[in-house]
Amino acid sequence: MAFLRQVVAPLLVVLVFLVALVAVSARIFLPSDMAAPAPVAPEDAPAWVMPSQG
């Protein structure tokens, strides 16, 4: 159990951090039109209404 806590858990944390860092850094190399958020067309918008909007 100590092996999992001292070796495997920190390795998983570092691995997740590195994957997130690569994913965020990869946006630098994308063309500018691909780095922007995806457009949402009205027909793709969710069909539900928030309760506060009645």
N, C-alpha and C. Protein backbone atom coordinates (compact mmCIF):
# COMPACT_ATOMS: atom_id res chain seq x y z
N MET A 1 0.82 -1.20 0.00
CA MET A 1 0.00 0.00 0.00
C MET A 1 0.86 1.26 0.00
N ALA A 2 1.98 1.21 0.71
CA ALA A 2 2.87 2.36 0.75
C ALA A 2 3.46 2.64 -0.63
N PHE A 3 3.71 1.58 -1.40
CA PHE A 3 4.23 1.76 -2.75
C PHE A 3 3.26 2.56 -3.60
N LEU A 4 1.97 2.24 -3.49
CA LEU A 4 0.96 2.99 -4.26
C LEU A 4 0.93 4.45 -3.85
N ARG A 5 1.03 4.70 -2.56
CA ARG A 5 0.93 6.06 -2.05
C ARG A 5 2.19 6.87 -2.35
N GLN A 6 3.34 6.24 -2.32
CA GLN A 6 4.59 6.98 -2.47
C GLN A 6 5.10 7.04 -3.90
N VAL A 7 4.69 6.10 -4.75
CA VAL A 7 5.23 6.06 -6.10
C VAL A 7 4.14 6.25 -7.16
N VAL A 8 3.10 5.46 -7.09
CA VAL A 8 2.09 5.46 -8.15
C VAL A 8 1.23 6.72 -8.11
N ALA A 9 0.76 7.12 -6.95
CA ALA A 9 -0.11 8.30 -6.86
C ALA A 9 0.60 9.57 -7.33
N PRO A 10 1.82 9.86 -6.85
CA PRO A 10 2.50 11.06 -7.38
C PRO A 10 2.79 10.97 -8.88
N LEU A 11 3.09 9.78 -9.36
CA LEU A 11 3.33 9.62 -10.79
C LEU A 11 2.06 9.92 -11.59
N LEU A 12 0.92 9.47 -11.12
CA LEU A 12 -0.35 9.77 -11.79
C LEU A 12 -0.65 11.26 -11.78
N VAL A 13 -0.38 11.92 -10.66
CA VAL A 13 -0.62 13.36 -10.57
C VAL A 13 0.25 14.11 -11.57
N VAL A 14 1.52 13.77 -11.64
CA VAL A 14 2.44 14.42 -12.57
C VAL A 14 2.03 14.11 -14.01
N LEU A 15 1.61 12.89 -14.28
CA LEU A 15 1.19 12.52 -15.63
C LEU A 15 -0.04 13.30 -16.07
N VAL A 16 -1.02 13.44 -15.19
CA VAL A 16 -2.22 14.22 -15.52
C VAL A 16 -1.85 15.69 -15.75
N PHE A 17 -0.97 16.21 -14.92
CA PHE A 17 -0.53 17.59 -15.10
C PHE A 17 0.17 17.78 -16.44
N LEU A 18 1.03 16.85 -16.81
CA LEU A 18 1.75 16.98 -18.08
C LEU A 18 0.82 16.87 -19.28
N VAL A 19 -0.17 15.99 -19.20
CA VAL A 19 -1.14 15.86 -20.29
C VAL A 19 -1.94 17.16 -20.43
N ALA A 20 -2.35 17.74 -19.32
CA ALA A 20 -3.08 19.01 -19.37
C ALA A 20 -2.20 20.13 -19.91
N LEU A 21 -0.94 20.14 -19.53
CA LEU A 21 -0.02 21.16 -20.02
C LEU A 21 0.19 21.05 -21.52
N VAL A 22 0.33 19.85 -22.02
CA VAL A 22 0.50 19.64 -23.46
C VAL A 22 -0.77 20.04 -24.20
N ALA A 23 -1.94 19.70 -23.66
CA ALA A 23 -3.19 20.03 -24.33
C ALA A 23 -3.40 21.54 -24.41
N VAL A 24 -3.07 22.25 -23.35
CA VAL A 24 -3.23 23.71 -23.36
C VAL A 24 -2.16 24.36 -24.24
N SER A 25 -0.95 23.85 -24.19
CA SER A 25 0.13 24.42 -24.98
C SER A 25 -0.06 24.16 -26.48
N ALA A 26 -0.75 23.11 -26.84
CA ALA A 26 -0.93 22.78 -28.25
C ALA A 26 -1.76 23.84 -28.97
N ARG A 27 -2.56 24.61 -28.24
CA ARG A 27 -3.37 25.65 -28.88
C ARG A 27 -2.51 26.72 -29.53
N ILE A 28 -1.28 26.89 -29.08
CA ILE A 28 -0.38 27.89 -29.67
C ILE A 28 -0.11 27.57 -31.14
N PHE A 29 -0.04 26.28 -31.46
CA PHE A 29 0.35 25.87 -32.80
C PHE A 29 -0.84 25.66 -33.74
N LEU A 30 -2.05 25.82 -33.24
CA LEU A 30 -3.23 25.68 -34.09
C LEU A 30 -3.44 26.95 -34.91
N PRO A 31 -4.03 26.83 -36.08
CA PRO A 31 -4.41 28.05 -36.81
C PRO A 31 -5.40 28.87 -35.97
N SER A 32 -5.42 30.15 -36.17
CA SER A 32 -6.23 31.01 -35.30
C SER A 32 -7.72 30.67 -35.36
N ASP A 33 -8.22 30.20 -36.49
CA ASP A 33 -9.64 29.88 -36.57
C ASP A 33 -9.96 28.58 -35.84
N MET A 34 -8.97 27.73 -35.62
CA MET A 34 -9.23 26.49 -34.88
C MET A 34 -9.02 26.68 -33.38
N ALA A 35 -8.30 27.70 -32.98
CA ALA A 35 -8.03 27.93 -31.56
C ALA A 35 -9.21 28.60 -30.87
N ALA A 36 -10.12 29.18 -31.64
CA ALA A 36 -11.28 29.85 -31.06
C ALA A 36 -12.31 28.80 -30.62
N PRO A 37 -13.18 29.18 -29.70
CA PRO A 37 -14.25 28.26 -29.31
C PRO A 37 -15.16 27.95 -30.50
N ALA A 38 -15.74 26.78 -30.49
CA ALA A 38 -16.61 26.38 -31.59
C ALA A 38 -17.88 27.24 -31.60
N PRO A 39 -18.31 27.68 -32.77
CA PRO A 39 -19.56 28.46 -32.83
C PRO A 39 -20.77 27.58 -32.54
N VAL A 40 -21.77 28.17 -31.95
CA VAL A 40 -22.99 27.43 -31.64
C VAL A 40 -24.11 28.01 -32.49
N ALA A 41 -24.65 27.20 -33.36
CA ALA A 41 -25.78 27.64 -34.19
C ALA A 41 -27.06 27.55 -33.35
N PRO A 42 -28.06 28.36 -33.67
CA PRO A 42 -29.31 28.32 -32.89
C PRO A 42 -29.95 26.93 -32.85
N GLU A 43 -29.85 26.18 -33.94
CA GLU A 43 -30.46 24.85 -33.93
C GLU A 43 -29.68 23.84 -33.08
N ASP A 44 -28.43 24.19 -32.75
CA ASP A 44 -27.62 23.33 -31.89
C ASP A 44 -27.74 23.69 -30.42
N ALA A 45 -28.40 24.80 -30.13
CA ALA A 45 -28.52 25.25 -28.75
C ALA A 45 -29.42 24.30 -27.97
N PRO A 46 -29.20 24.18 -26.68
CA PRO A 46 -30.05 23.28 -25.88
C PRO A 46 -31.51 23.73 -25.90
N ALA A 47 -32.41 22.77 -25.86
CA ALA A 47 -33.84 23.05 -25.98
C ALA A 47 -34.50 23.31 -24.63
N TRP A 48 -33.76 23.23 -23.54
CA TRP A 48 -34.36 23.43 -22.23
C TRP A 48 -34.33 24.90 -21.84
N VAL A 49 -35.20 25.28 -20.90
CA VAL A 49 -35.29 26.64 -20.41
C VAL A 49 -34.91 26.63 -18.94
N MET A 50 -34.11 27.61 -18.53
CA MET A 50 -33.72 27.68 -17.13
C MET A 50 -34.94 27.98 -16.27
N PRO A 51 -35.03 27.40 -15.09
CA PRO A 51 -36.19 27.65 -14.21
C PRO A 51 -36.39 29.11 -13.88
N SER A 52 -35.30 29.89 -13.80
CA SER A 52 -35.43 31.31 -13.46
C SER A 52 -36.05 32.11 -14.61
N GLN A 53 -36.03 31.57 -15.83
CA GLN A 53 -36.58 32.29 -16.98
C GLN A 53 -38.06 31.96 -17.20
N GLY A 54 -38.55 30.95 -16.49
CA GLY A 54 -39.96 30.61 -16.52
C GLY A 54 -40.42 30.20 -17.83
